[in-house]
Amino acid sequence: MKDNEPNKKNEFEKELDDLKEWEENQYNPGYYIGTGRIPEPIKGVGKYPFIQIIIGLIILLPIIVAIIDETNVLNIIAFIIPAIIGFSLVYGGIIKLINMKKIRKGNQRFRI
């Protein structure tokens, strides 16, 4: 089992090096970064919609407090853009959860 640990460490370091190279050269025209695939750390963000929903709710929390606290209209207007971002994150997370459940349900039908 210990033989597998160095492989994981080397694979992780390779992914970090690839990500660093991608960050440094993503805007250089003509620089070949790879096959155009998204690096694994960036691709993995969409796998956890609960985190996305929690972040959206954290963004919406001050807006909810401001509405309950009956603050000025100008203060509420200042919250419009964060509200849009928060609602978008929550909505997107819920849609991802629904899609993940549909996919899991569909895969269970075909199991023997």
PDB file of N, CA and C in Angstrom:
ATOM      1  N   MET A   1       0.813  -1.180   0.000  1.00  0.00           N
ATOM      2  CA  MET A   1       0.000   0.000   0.000  1.00  0.00           C
ATOM      3  C   MET A   1       0.868   1.260   0.000  1.00  0.00           C
ATOM      4  N   LYS A   2       2.029   1.190   0.597  1.00  0.00           N
ATOM      5  CA  LYS A   2       2.912   2.348   0.622  1.00  0.00           C
ATOM      6  C   LYS A   2       3.506   2.627  -0.751  1.00  0.00           C
ATOM      7  N   ASP A   3       3.573   1.610  -1.607  1.00  0.00           N
ATOM      8  CA  ASP A   3       4.097   1.829  -2.952  1.00  0.00           C
ATOM      9  C   ASP A   3       3.174   2.729  -3.761  1.00  0.00           C
ATOM     10  N   ASN A   4       1.912   2.739  -3.448  1.00  0.00           N
ATOM     11  CA  ASN A   4       0.934   3.536  -4.175  1.00  0.00           C
ATOM     12  C   ASN A   4       1.013   5.019  -3.790  1.00  0.00           C
ATOM     13  N   GLU A   5       1.465   5.329  -2.562  1.00  0.00           N
ATOM     14  CA  GLU A   5       1.526   6.708  -2.086  1.00  0.00           C
ATOM     15  C   GLU A   5       2.461   7.581  -2.912  1.00  0.00           C
ATOM     16  N   PRO A   6       3.672   7.141  -3.267  1.00  0.00           N
ATOM     17  CA  PRO A   6       4.523   7.996  -4.101  1.00  0.00           C
ATOM     18  C   PRO A   6       3.908   8.270  -5.472  1.00  0.00           C
ATOM     19  N   ASN A   7       3.185   7.294  -6.032  1.00  0.00           N
ATOM     20  CA  ASN A   7       2.541   7.514  -7.324  1.00  0.00           C
ATOM     21  C   ASN A   7       1.484   8.603  -7.227  1.00  0.00           C
ATOM     22  N   LYS A   8       0.699   8.575  -6.147  1.00  0.00           N
ATOM     23  CA  LYS A   8      -0.325   9.603  -5.957  1.00  0.00           C
ATOM     24  C   LYS A   8       0.315  10.969  -5.789  1.00  0.00           C
ATOM     25  N   LYS A   9       1.420  11.017  -5.036  1.00  0.00           N
ATOM     26  CA  LYS A   9       2.100  12.284  -4.810  1.00  0.00           C
ATOM     27  C   LYS A   9       2.670  12.813  -6.119  1.00  0.00           C
ATOM     28  N   ASN A  10       3.290  11.943  -6.897  1.00  0.00           N
ATOM     29  CA  ASN A  10       3.846  12.370  -8.174  1.00  0.00           C
ATOM     30  C   ASN A  10       2.749  12.827  -9.126  1.00  0.00           C
ATOM     31  N   GLU A  11       1.625  12.133  -9.129  1.00  0.00           N
ATOM     32  CA  GLU A  11       0.502  12.516  -9.994  1.00  0.00           C
ATOM     33  C   GLU A  11      -0.051  13.877  -9.576  1.00  0.00           C
ATOM     34  N   PHE A  12      -0.162  14.100  -8.267  1.00  0.00           N
ATOM     35  CA  PHE A  12      -0.656  15.380  -7.766  1.00  0.00           C
ATOM     36  C   PHE A  12       0.299  16.513  -8.124  1.00  0.00           C
ATOM     37  N   GLU A  13       1.607  16.273  -7.953  1.00  0.00           N
ATOM     38  CA  GLU A  13       2.596  17.294  -8.306  1.00  0.00           C
ATOM     39  C   GLU A  13       2.567  17.584  -9.800  1.00  0.00           C
ATOM     40  N   LYS A  14       2.358  16.560 -10.611  1.00  0.00           N
ATOM     41  CA  LYS A  14       2.274  16.757 -12.057  1.00  0.00           C
ATOM     42  C   LYS A  14       1.059  17.616 -12.409  1.00  0.00           C
ATOM     43  N   GLU A  15      -0.078  17.348 -11.751  1.00  0.00           N
ATOM     44  CA  GLU A  15      -1.273  18.154 -11.991  1.00  0.00           C
ATOM     45  C   GLU A  15      -1.047  19.605 -11.585  1.00  0.00           C
ATOM     46  N   LEU A  16      -0.353  19.818 -10.459  1.00  0.00           N
ATOM     47  CA  LEU A  16      -0.056  21.184 -10.036  1.00  0.00           C
ATOM     48  C   LEU A  16       0.865  21.885 -11.027  1.00  0.00           C
ATOM     49  N   ASP A  17       1.865  21.169 -11.529  1.00  0.00           N
ATOM     50  CA  ASP A  17       2.764  21.750 -12.527  1.00  0.00           C
ATOM     51  C   ASP A  17       2.018  22.084 -13.815  1.00  0.00           C
ATOM     52  N   ASP A  18       1.135  21.183 -14.242  1.00  0.00           N
ATOM     53  CA  ASP A  18       0.339  21.445 -15.449  1.00  0.00           C
ATOM     54  C   ASP A  18      -0.563  22.656 -15.257  1.00  0.00           C
ATOM     55  N   LEU A  19      -1.161  22.759 -14.078  1.00  0.00           N
ATOM     56  CA  LEU A  19      -2.036  23.895 -13.798  1.00  0.00           C
ATOM     57  C   LEU A  19      -1.243  25.198 -13.783  1.00  0.00           C
ATOM     58  N   LYS A  20      -0.050  25.165 -13.202  1.00  0.00           N
ATOM     59  CA  LYS A  20       0.790  26.366 -13.163  1.00  0.00           C
ATOM     60  C   LYS A  20       1.191  26.780 -14.576  1.00  0.00           C
ATOM     61  N   GLU A  21       1.572  25.816 -15.411  1.00  0.00           N
ATOM     62  CA  GLU A  21       1.929  26.120 -16.794  1.00  0.00           C
ATOM     63  C   GLU A  21       0.737  26.696 -17.543  1.00  0.00           C
ATOM     64  N   TRP A  22      -0.435  26.121 -17.306  1.00  0.00           N
ATOM     65  CA  TRP A  22      -1.643  26.611 -17.967  1.00  0.00           C
ATOM     66  C   TRP A  22      -1.944  28.048 -17.550  1.00  0.00           C
ATOM     67  N   GLU A  23      -1.791  28.358 -16.238  1.00  0.00           N
ATOM     68  CA  GLU A  23      -2.038  29.712 -15.750  1.00  0.00           C
ATOM     69  C   GLU A  23      -1.068  30.710 -16.362  1.00  0.00           C
ATOM     70  N   GLU A  24       0.186  30.315 -16.502  1.00  0.00           N
ATOM     71  CA  GLU A  24       1.195  31.227 -17.023  1.00  0.00           C
ATOM     72  C   GLU A  24       1.044  31.478 -18.518  1.00  0.00           C
ATOM     73  N   ASN A  25       0.533  30.509 -19.256  1.00  0.00           N
ATOM     74  CA  ASN A  25       0.537  30.615 -20.715  1.00  0.00           C
ATOM     75  C   ASN A  25      -0.841  30.586 -21.358  1.00  0.00           C
ATOM     76  N   GLN A  26      -1.898  30.730 -20.581  1.00  0.00           N
ATOM     77  CA  GLN A  26      -3.235  30.608 -21.153  1.00  0.00           C
ATOM     78  C   GLN A  26      -3.564  31.727 -22.129  1.00  0.00           C
ATOM     79  N   TYR A  27      -2.926  32.872 -22.011  1.00  0.00           N
ATOM     80  CA  TYR A  27      -3.234  33.990 -22.898  1.00  0.00           C
ATOM     81  C   TYR A  27      -2.170  34.213 -23.968  1.00  0.00           C
ATOM     82  N   ASN A  28      -1.168  33.370 -24.014  1.00  0.00           N
ATOM     83  CA  ASN A  28      -0.144  33.489 -25.050  1.00  0.00           C
ATOM     84  C   ASN A  28      -0.654  32.845 -26.332  1.00  0.00           C
ATOM     85  N   PRO A  29      -0.843  33.640 -27.387  1.00  0.00           N
ATOM     86  CA  PRO A  29      -1.347  33.046 -28.630  1.00  0.00           C
ATOM     87  C   PRO A  29      -0.310  32.103 -29.237  1.00  0.00           C
ATOM     88  N   GLY A  30      -0.755  30.959 -29.644  1.00  0.00           N
ATOM     89  CA  GLY A  30       0.122  29.999 -30.292  1.00  0.00           C
ATOM     90  C   GLY A  30       0.869  29.087 -29.349  1.00  0.00           C
ATOM     91  N   TYR A  31       0.754  29.306 -28.047  1.00  0.00           N
ATOM     92  CA  TYR A  31       1.446  28.445 -27.096  1.00  0.00           C
ATOM     93  C   TYR A  31       0.618  27.186 -26.883  1.00  0.00           C
ATOM     94  N   TYR A  32       1.209  26.040 -27.153  1.00  0.00           N
ATOM     95  CA  TYR A  32       0.495  24.765 -27.033  1.00  0.00           C
ATOM     96  C   TYR A  32       0.504  24.326 -25.576  1.00  0.00           C
ATOM     97  N   ILE A  33      -0.659  24.293 -24.971  1.00  0.00           N
ATOM     98  CA  ILE A  33      -0.775  23.919 -23.564  1.00  0.00           C
ATOM     99  C   ILE A  33      -1.176  22.469 -23.422  1.00  0.00           C
ATOM    100  N   GLY A  34      -1.754  21.935 -24.436  1.00  0.00           N
ATOM    101  CA  GLY A  34      -2.224  20.557 -24.367  1.00  0.00           C
ATOM    102  C   GLY A  34      -3.305  20.354 -25.403  1.00  0.00           C
ATOM    103  N   THR A  35      -4.167  19.436 -25.134  1.00  0.00           N
ATOM    104  CA  THR A  35      -5.204  19.094 -26.097  1.00  0.00           C
ATOM    105  C   THR A  35      -6.443  19.964 -25.957  1.00  0.00           C
ATOM    106  N   GLY A  36      -6.396  20.981 -25.134  1.00  0.00           N
ATOM    107  CA  GLY A  36      -7.540  21.845 -24.948  1.00  0.00           C
ATOM    108  C   GLY A  36      -8.459  21.389 -23.838  1.00  0.00           C
ATOM    109  N   ARG A  37      -8.079  20.350 -23.147  1.00  0.00           N
ATOM    110  CA  ARG A  37      -8.936  19.871 -22.070  1.00  0.00           C
ATOM    111  C   ARG A  37      -8.744  20.747 -20.832  1.00  0.00           C
ATOM    112  N   ILE A  38      -9.744  20.774 -20.005  1.00  0.00           N
ATOM    113  CA  ILE A  38      -9.725  21.592 -18.804  1.00  0.00           C
ATOM    114  C   ILE A  38      -8.903  20.872 -17.740  1.00  0.00           C
ATOM    115  N   PRO A  39      -8.014  21.579 -17.034  1.00  0.00           N
ATOM    116  CA  PRO A  39      -7.236  20.937 -15.973  1.00  0.00           C
ATOM    117  C   PRO A  39      -8.144  20.350 -14.889  1.00  0.00           C
ATOM    118  N   GLU A  40      -7.721  19.246 -14.308  1.00  0.00           N
ATOM    119  CA  GLU A  40      -8.523  18.507 -13.332  1.00  0.00           C
ATOM    120  C   GLU A  40      -8.980  19.348 -12.132  1.00  0.00           C
ATOM    121  N   PRO A  41      -8.100  20.177 -11.525  1.00  0.00           N
ATOM    122  CA  PRO A  41      -8.589  20.946 -10.367  1.00  0.00           C
ATOM    123  C   PRO A  41      -9.726  21.897 -10.726  1.00  0.00           C
ATOM    124  N   ILE A  42      -9.707  22.428 -11.924  1.00  0.00           N
ATOM    125  CA  ILE A  42     -10.767  23.341 -12.351  1.00  0.00           C
ATOM    126  C   ILE A  42     -12.016  22.554 -12.710  1.00  0.00           C
ATOM    127  N   LYS A  43     -11.841  21.413 -13.346  1.00  0.00           N
ATOM    128  CA  LYS A  43     -12.980  20.590 -13.750  1.00  0.00           C
ATOM    129  C   LYS A  43     -13.717  20.030 -12.533  1.00  0.00           C
ATOM    130  N   GLY A  44     -13.007  19.785 -11.451  1.00  0.00           N
ATOM    131  CA  GLY A  44     -13.615  19.182 -10.275  1.00  0.00           C
ATOM    132  C   GLY A  44     -14.526  20.104  -9.490  1.00  0.00           C
ATOM    133  N   VAL A  45     -14.496  21.404  -9.770  1.00  0.00           N
ATOM    134  CA  VAL A  45     -15.311  22.353  -9.012  1.00  0.00           C
ATOM    135  C   VAL A  45     -16.795  22.076  -9.194  1.00  0.00           C
ATOM    136  N   GLY A  46     -17.208  21.684 -10.377  1.00  0.00           N
ATOM    137  CA  GLY A  46     -18.620  21.453 -10.654  1.00  0.00           C
ATOM    138  C   GLY A  46     -19.177  20.175 -10.064  1.00  0.00           C
ATOM    139  N   LYS A  47     -18.354  19.373  -9.445  1.00  0.00           N
ATOM    140  CA  LYS A  47     -18.815  18.096  -8.902  1.00  0.00           C
ATOM    141  C   LYS A  47     -19.542  18.246  -7.569  1.00  0.00           C
ATOM    142  N   TYR A  48     -19.417  19.392  -6.942  1.00  0.00           N
ATOM    143  CA  TYR A  48     -19.968  19.577  -5.607  1.00  0.00           C
ATOM    144  C   TYR A  48     -20.956  20.742  -5.586  1.00  0.00           C
ATOM    145  N   PRO A  49     -22.198  20.502  -6.002  1.00  0.00           N
ATOM    146  CA  PRO A  49     -23.167  21.604  -6.040  1.00  0.00           C
ATOM    147  C   PRO A  49     -23.562  22.111  -4.653  1.00  0.00           C
ATOM    148  N   PHE A  50     -23.365  21.300  -3.603  1.00  0.00           N
ATOM    149  CA  PHE A  50     -23.688  21.773  -2.259  1.00  0.00           C
ATOM    150  C   PHE A  50     -22.822  22.972  -1.885  1.00  0.00           C
ATOM    151  N   ILE A  51     -21.555  22.935  -2.271  1.00  0.00           N
ATOM    152  CA  ILE A  51     -20.661  24.054  -1.984  1.00  0.00           C
ATOM    153  C   ILE A  51     -21.138  25.297  -2.721  1.00  0.00           C
ATOM    154  N   GLN A  52     -21.564  25.121  -3.954  1.00  0.00           N
ATOM    155  CA  GLN A  52     -22.072  26.233  -4.747  1.00  0.00           C
ATOM    156  C   GLN A  52     -23.321  26.836  -4.088  1.00  0.00           C
ATOM    157  N   ILE A  53     -24.209  25.998  -3.600  1.00  0.00           N
ATOM    158  CA  ILE A  53     -25.427  26.483  -2.938  1.00  0.00           C
ATOM    159  C   ILE A  53     -25.078  27.216  -1.647  1.00  0.00           C
ATOM    160  N   ILE A  54     -24.146  26.680  -0.879  1.00  0.00           N
ATOM    161  CA  ILE A  54     -23.747  27.319   0.378  1.00  0.00           C
ATOM    162  C   ILE A  54     -23.134  28.687   0.117  1.00  0.00           C
ATOM    163  N   ILE A  55     -22.267  28.792  -0.887  1.00  0.00           N
ATOM    164  CA  ILE A  55     -21.665  30.086  -1.215  1.00  0.00           C
ATOM    165  C   ILE A  55     -22.744  31.079  -1.641  1.00  0.00           C
ATOM    166  N   GLY A  56     -23.695  30.618  -2.445  1.00  0.00           N
ATOM    167  CA  GLY A  56     -24.798  31.489  -2.855  1.00  0.00           C
ATOM    168  C   GLY A  56     -25.613  31.978  -1.671  1.00  0.00           C
ATOM    169  N   LEU A  57     -25.886  31.094  -0.720  1.00  0.00           N
ATOM    170  CA  LEU A  57     -26.651  31.491   0.466  1.00  0.00           C
ATOM    171  C   LEU A  57     -25.869  32.463   1.340  1.00  0.00           C
ATOM    172  N   ILE A  58     -24.556  32.273   1.421  1.00  0.00           N
ATOM    173  CA  ILE A  58     -23.724  33.208   2.188  1.00  0.00           C
ATOM    174  C   ILE A  58     -23.761  34.591   1.548  1.00  0.00           C
ATOM    175  N   ILE A  59     -23.757  34.639   0.217  1.00  0.00           N
ATOM    176  CA  ILE A  59     -23.845  35.926  -0.476  1.00  0.00           C
ATOM    177  C   ILE A  59     -25.218  36.560  -0.253  1.00  0.00           C
ATOM    178  N   LEU A  60     -26.268  35.744  -0.195  1.00  0.00           N
ATOM    179  CA  LEU A  60     -27.629  36.263  -0.021  1.00  0.00           C
ATOM    180  C   LEU A  60     -27.944  36.664   1.422  1.00  0.00           C
ATOM    181  N   LEU A  61     -27.189  36.173   2.380  1.00  0.00           N
ATOM    182  CA  LEU A  61     -27.481  36.431   3.788  1.00  0.00           C
ATOM    183  C   LEU A  61     -27.527  37.921   4.134  1.00  0.00           C
ATOM    184  N   PRO A  62     -26.545  38.750   3.751  1.00  0.00           N
ATOM    185  CA  PRO A  62     -26.636  40.185   4.073  1.00  0.00           C
ATOM    186  C   PRO A  62     -27.842  40.861   3.426  1.00  0.00           C
ATOM    187  N   ILE A  63     -28.245  40.390   2.262  1.00  0.00           N
ATOM    188  CA  ILE A  63     -29.403  40.966   1.585  1.00  0.00           C
ATOM    189  C   ILE A  63     -30.667  40.663   2.382  1.00  0.00           C
ATOM    190  N   ILE A  64     -30.789  39.439   2.851  1.00  0.00           N
ATOM    191  CA  ILE A  64     -31.954  39.054   3.649  1.00  0.00           C
ATOM    192  C   ILE A  64     -32.000  39.864   4.941  1.00  0.00           C
ATOM    193  N   VAL A  65     -30.846  40.041   5.581  1.00  0.00           N
ATOM    194  CA  VAL A  65     -30.783  40.836   6.810  1.00  0.00           C
ATOM    195  C   VAL A  65     -31.168  42.284   6.525  1.00  0.00           C
ATOM    196  N   ALA A  66     -30.710  42.835   5.404  1.00  0.00           N
ATOM    197  CA  ALA A  66     -31.041  44.221   5.057  1.00  0.00           C
ATOM    198  C   ALA A  66     -32.532  44.393   4.809  1.00  0.00           C
ATOM    199  N   ILE A  67     -33.155  43.420   4.180  1.00  0.00           N
ATOM    200  CA  ILE A  67     -34.593  43.511   3.919  1.00  0.00           C
ATOM    201  C   ILE A  67     -35.382  43.394   5.221  1.00  0.00           C
ATOM    202  N   ILE A  68     -34.986  42.480   6.082  1.00  0.00           N
ATOM    203  CA  ILE A  68     -35.678  42.304   7.364  1.00  0.00           C
ATOM    204  C   ILE A  68     -35.480  43.530   8.253  1.00  0.00           C
ATOM    205  N   ASP A  69     -34.292  44.108   8.199  1.00  0.00           N
ATOM    206  CA  ASP A  69     -33.937  45.248   9.041  1.00  0.00           C
ATOM    207  C   ASP A  69     -34.554  46.556   8.541  1.00  0.00           C
ATOM    208  N   GLU A  70     -35.207  46.523   7.375  1.00  0.00           N
ATOM    209  CA  GLU A  70     -35.846  47.687   6.765  1.00  0.00           C
ATOM    210  C   GLU A  70     -34.863  48.844   6.587  1.00  0.00           C
ATOM    211  N   THR A  71     -33.779  48.591   5.891  1.00  0.00           N
ATOM    212  CA  THR A  71     -32.794  49.634   5.628  1.00  0.00           C
ATOM    213  C   THR A  71     -33.249  50.513   4.474  1.00  0.00           C
ATOM    214  N   ASN A  72     -32.435  51.508   4.152  1.00  0.00           N
ATOM    215  CA  ASN A  72     -32.744  52.449   3.072  1.00  0.00           C
ATOM    216  C   ASN A  72     -32.890  51.733   1.745  1.00  0.00           C
ATOM    217  N   VAL A  73     -33.626  52.363   0.861  1.00  0.00           N
ATOM    218  CA  VAL A  73     -33.777  51.836  -0.493  1.00  0.00           C
ATOM    219  C   VAL A  73     -32.434  51.871  -1.208  1.00  0.00           C
ATOM    220  N   LEU A  74     -31.629  52.901  -0.936  1.00  0.00           N
ATOM    221  CA  LEU A  74     -30.315  52.999  -1.585  1.00  0.00           C
ATOM    222  C   LEU A  74     -29.412  51.835  -1.189  1.00  0.00           C
ATOM    223  N   ASN A  75     -29.487  51.420   0.050  1.00  0.00           N
ATOM    224  CA  ASN A  75     -28.691  50.270   0.477  1.00  0.00           C
ATOM    225  C   ASN A  75     -29.163  48.993  -0.197  1.00  0.00           C
ATOM    226  N   ILE A  76     -30.462  48.859  -0.350  1.00  0.00           N
ATOM    227  CA  ILE A  76     -30.995  47.669  -1.011  1.00  0.00           C
ATOM    228  C   ILE A  76     -30.602  47.667  -2.484  1.00  0.00           C
ATOM    229  N   ILE A  77     -30.589  48.852  -3.116  1.00  0.00           N
ATOM    230  CA  ILE A  77     -30.166  48.943  -4.517  1.00  0.00           C
ATOM    231  C   ILE A  77     -28.710  48.502  -4.662  1.00  0.00           C
ATOM    232  N   ALA A  78     -27.885  48.796  -3.656  1.00  0.00           N
ATOM    233  CA  ALA A  78     -26.477  48.391  -3.704  1.00  0.00           C
ATOM    234  C   ALA A  78     -26.321  46.876  -3.660  1.00  0.00           C
ATOM    235  N   PHE A  79     -27.348  46.181  -3.210  1.00  0.00           N
ATOM    236  CA  PHE A  79     -27.287  44.727  -3.114  1.00  0.00           C
ATOM    237  C   PHE A  79     -27.792  44.014  -4.359  1.00  0.00           C
ATOM    238  N   ILE A  80     -28.148  44.737  -5.397  1.00  0.00           N
ATOM    239  CA  ILE A  80     -28.748  44.101  -6.578  1.00  0.00           C
ATOM    240  C   ILE A  80     -27.781  43.132  -7.252  1.00  0.00           C
ATOM    241  N   ILE A  81     -26.558  43.566  -7.515  1.00  0.00           N
ATOM    242  CA  ILE A  81     -25.599  42.689  -8.212  1.00  0.00           C
ATOM    243  C   ILE A  81     -25.227  41.482  -7.349  1.00  0.00           C
ATOM    244  N   PRO A  82     -24.896  41.667  -6.064  1.00  0.00           N
ATOM    245  CA  PRO A  82     -24.659  40.461  -5.254  1.00  0.00           C
ATOM    246  C   PRO A  82     -25.873  39.542  -5.184  1.00  0.00           C
ATOM    247  N   ALA A  83     -27.077  40.121  -5.207  1.00  0.00           N
ATOM    248  CA  ALA A  83     -28.284  39.289  -5.178  1.00  0.00           C
ATOM    249  C   ALA A  83     -28.386  38.450  -6.439  1.00  0.00           C
ATOM    250  N   ILE A  84     -28.088  39.050  -7.575  1.00  0.00           N
ATOM    251  CA  ILE A  84     -28.124  38.301  -8.836  1.00  0.00           C
ATOM    252  C   ILE A  84     -27.108  37.170  -8.807  1.00  0.00           C
ATOM    253  N   ILE A  85     -25.908  37.468  -8.318  1.00  0.00           N
ATOM    254  CA  ILE A  85     -24.863  36.440  -8.239  1.00  0.00           C
ATOM    255  C   ILE A  85     -25.283  35.329  -7.272  1.00  0.00           C
ATOM    256  N   GLY A  86     -25.790  35.709  -6.106  1.00  0.00           N
ATOM    257  CA  GLY A  86     -26.218  34.713  -5.121  1.00  0.00           C
ATOM    258  C   GLY A  86     -27.335  33.828  -5.637  1.00  0.00           C
ATOM    259  N   PHE A  87     -28.362  34.449  -6.251  1.00  0.00           N
ATOM    260  CA  PHE A  87     -29.460  33.658  -6.807  1.00  0.00           C
ATOM    261  C   PHE A  87     -28.972  32.739  -7.920  1.00  0.00           C
ATOM    262  N   SER A  88     -28.038  33.244  -8.734  1.00  0.00           N
ATOM    263  CA  SER A  88     -27.504  32.414  -9.820  1.00  0.00           C
ATOM    264  C   SER A  88     -26.772  31.193  -9.277  1.00  0.00           C
ATOM    265  N   LEU A  89     -25.972  31.396  -8.236  1.00  0.00           N
ATOM    266  CA  LEU A  89     -25.247  30.271  -7.644  1.00  0.00           C
ATOM    267  C   LEU A  89     -26.206  29.250  -7.032  1.00  0.00           C
ATOM    268  N   VAL A  90     -27.193  29.727  -6.302  1.00  0.00           N
ATOM    269  CA  VAL A  90     -28.152  28.807  -5.682  1.00  0.00           C
ATOM    270  C   VAL A  90     -28.948  28.074  -6.756  1.00  0.00           C
ATOM    271  N   TYR A  91     -29.438  28.806  -7.749  1.00  0.00           N
ATOM    272  CA  TYR A  91     -30.221  28.193  -8.822  1.00  0.00           C
ATOM    273  C   TYR A  91     -29.383  27.163  -9.587  1.00  0.00           C
ATOM    274  N   GLY A  92     -28.145  27.539  -9.939  1.00  0.00           N
ATOM    275  CA  GLY A  92     -27.275  26.606 -10.655  1.00  0.00           C
ATOM    276  C   GLY A  92     -26.963  25.363  -9.843  1.00  0.00           C
ATOM    277  N   GLY A  93     -26.749  25.535  -8.533  1.00  0.00           N
ATOM    278  CA  GLY A  93     -26.491  24.386  -7.673  1.00  0.00           C
ATOM    279  C   GLY A  93     -27.680  23.454  -7.580  1.00  0.00           C
ATOM    280  N   ILE A  94     -28.877  24.027  -7.496  1.00  0.00           N
ATOM    281  CA  ILE A  94     -30.083  23.195  -7.433  1.00  0.00           C
ATOM    282  C   ILE A  94     -30.276  22.435  -8.738  1.00  0.00           C
ATOM    283  N   ILE A  95     -30.061  23.106  -9.867  1.00  0.00           N
ATOM    284  CA  ILE A  95     -30.182  22.440 -11.170  1.00  0.00           C
ATOM    285  C   ILE A  95     -29.169  21.300 -11.277  1.00  0.00           C
ATOM    286  N   LYS A  96     -27.933  21.533 -10.812  1.00  0.00           N
ATOM    287  CA  LYS A  96     -26.920  20.468 -10.849  1.00  0.00           C
ATOM    288  C   LYS A  96     -27.333  19.286  -9.977  1.00  0.00           C
ATOM    289  N   LEU A  97     -27.884  19.574  -8.795  1.00  0.00           N
ATOM    290  CA  LEU A  97     -28.339  18.484  -7.921  1.00  0.00           C
ATOM    291  C   LEU A  97     -29.437  17.669  -8.587  1.00  0.00           C
ATOM    292  N   ILE A  98     -30.388  18.350  -9.209  1.00  0.00           N
ATOM    293  CA  ILE A  98     -31.480  17.644  -9.891  1.00  0.00           C
ATOM    294  C   ILE A  98     -30.934  16.777 -11.016  1.00  0.00           C
ATOM    295  N   ASN A  99     -30.019  17.338 -11.806  1.00  0.00           N
ATOM    296  CA  ASN A  99     -29.438  16.571 -12.918  1.00  0.00           C
ATOM    297  C   ASN A  99     -28.628  15.381 -12.419  1.00  0.00           C
ATOM    298  N   MET A 100     -27.896  15.568 -11.314  1.00  0.00           N
ATOM    299  CA  MET A 100     -27.110  14.458 -10.769  1.00  0.00           C
ATOM    300  C   MET A 100     -28.029  13.334 -10.294  1.00  0.00           C
ATOM    301  N   LYS A 101     -29.160  13.694  -9.681  1.00  0.00           N
ATOM    302  CA  LYS A 101     -30.098  12.671  -9.208  1.00  0.00           C
ATOM    303  C   LYS A 101     -30.741  11.944 -10.379  1.00  0.00           C
ATOM    304  N   LYS A 102     -31.046  12.671 -11.464  1.00  0.00           N
ATOM    305  CA  LYS A 102     -31.622  12.028 -12.646  1.00  0.00           C
ATOM    306  C   LYS A 102     -30.635  11.048 -13.258  1.00  0.00           C
ATOM    307  N   ILE A 103     -29.376  11.455 -13.330  1.00  0.00           N
ATOM    308  CA  ILE A 103     -28.350  10.581 -13.909  1.00  0.00           C
ATOM    309  C   ILE A 103     -28.180   9.334 -13.046  1.00  0.00           C
ATOM    310  N   ARG A 104     -28.144   9.513 -11.728  1.00  0.00           N
ATOM    311  CA  ARG A 104     -27.992   8.357 -10.834  1.00  0.00           C
ATOM    312  C   ARG A 104     -29.187   7.422 -10.937  1.00  0.00           C
ATOM    313  N   LYS A 105     -30.387   7.990 -11.054  1.00  0.00           N
ATOM    314  CA  LYS A 105     -31.579   7.157 -11.201  1.00  0.00           C
ATOM    315  C   LYS A 105     -31.526   6.373 -12.498  1.00  0.00           C
ATOM    316  N   GLY A 106     -31.095   7.018 -13.567  1.00  0.00           N
ATOM    317  CA  GLY A 106     -30.995   6.347 -14.862  1.00  0.00           C
ATOM    318  C   GLY A 106     -29.961   5.247 -14.856  1.00  0.00           C
ATOM    319  N   ASN A 107     -28.856   5.448 -14.155  1.00  0.00           N
ATOM    320  CA  ASN A 107     -27.814   4.428 -14.087  1.00  0.00           C
ATOM    321  C   ASN A 107     -28.246   3.236 -13.248  1.00  0.00           C
ATOM    322  N   GLN A 108     -29.100   3.442 -12.266  1.00  0.00           N
ATOM    323  CA  GLN A 108     -29.543   2.335 -11.418  1.00  0.00           C
ATOM    324  C   GLN A 108     -30.457   1.382 -12.174  1.00  0.00           C
ATOM    325  N   ARG A 109     -31.169   1.860 -13.165  1.00  0.00           N
ATOM    326  CA  ARG A 109     -32.056   0.994 -13.944  1.00  0.00           C
ATOM    327  C   ARG A 109     -31.286  -0.053 -14.729  1.00  0.00           C
ATOM    328  N   PHE A 110     -30.100   0.318 -15.174  1.00  0.00           N
ATOM    329  CA  PHE A 110     -29.344  -0.570 -16.045  1.00  0.00           C
ATOM    330  C   PHE A 110     -28.418  -1.511 -15.288  1.00  0.00           C
ATOM    331  N   ARG A 111     -28.353  -1.384 -13.983  1.00  0.00           N
ATOM    332  CA  ARG A 111     -27.508  -2.287 -13.198  1.00  0.00           C
ATOM    333  C   ARG A 111     -28.191  -3.633 -13.055  1.00  0.00           C
ATOM    334  N   ILE A 112     -27.380  -4.674 -13.073  1.00  0.00           N
ATOM    335  CA  ILE A 112     -27.922  -6.033 -12.951  1.00  0.00           C
ATOM    336  C   ILE A 112     -27.588  -6.602 -11.598  1.00  0.00           C
TER     337      ILE A 112
END
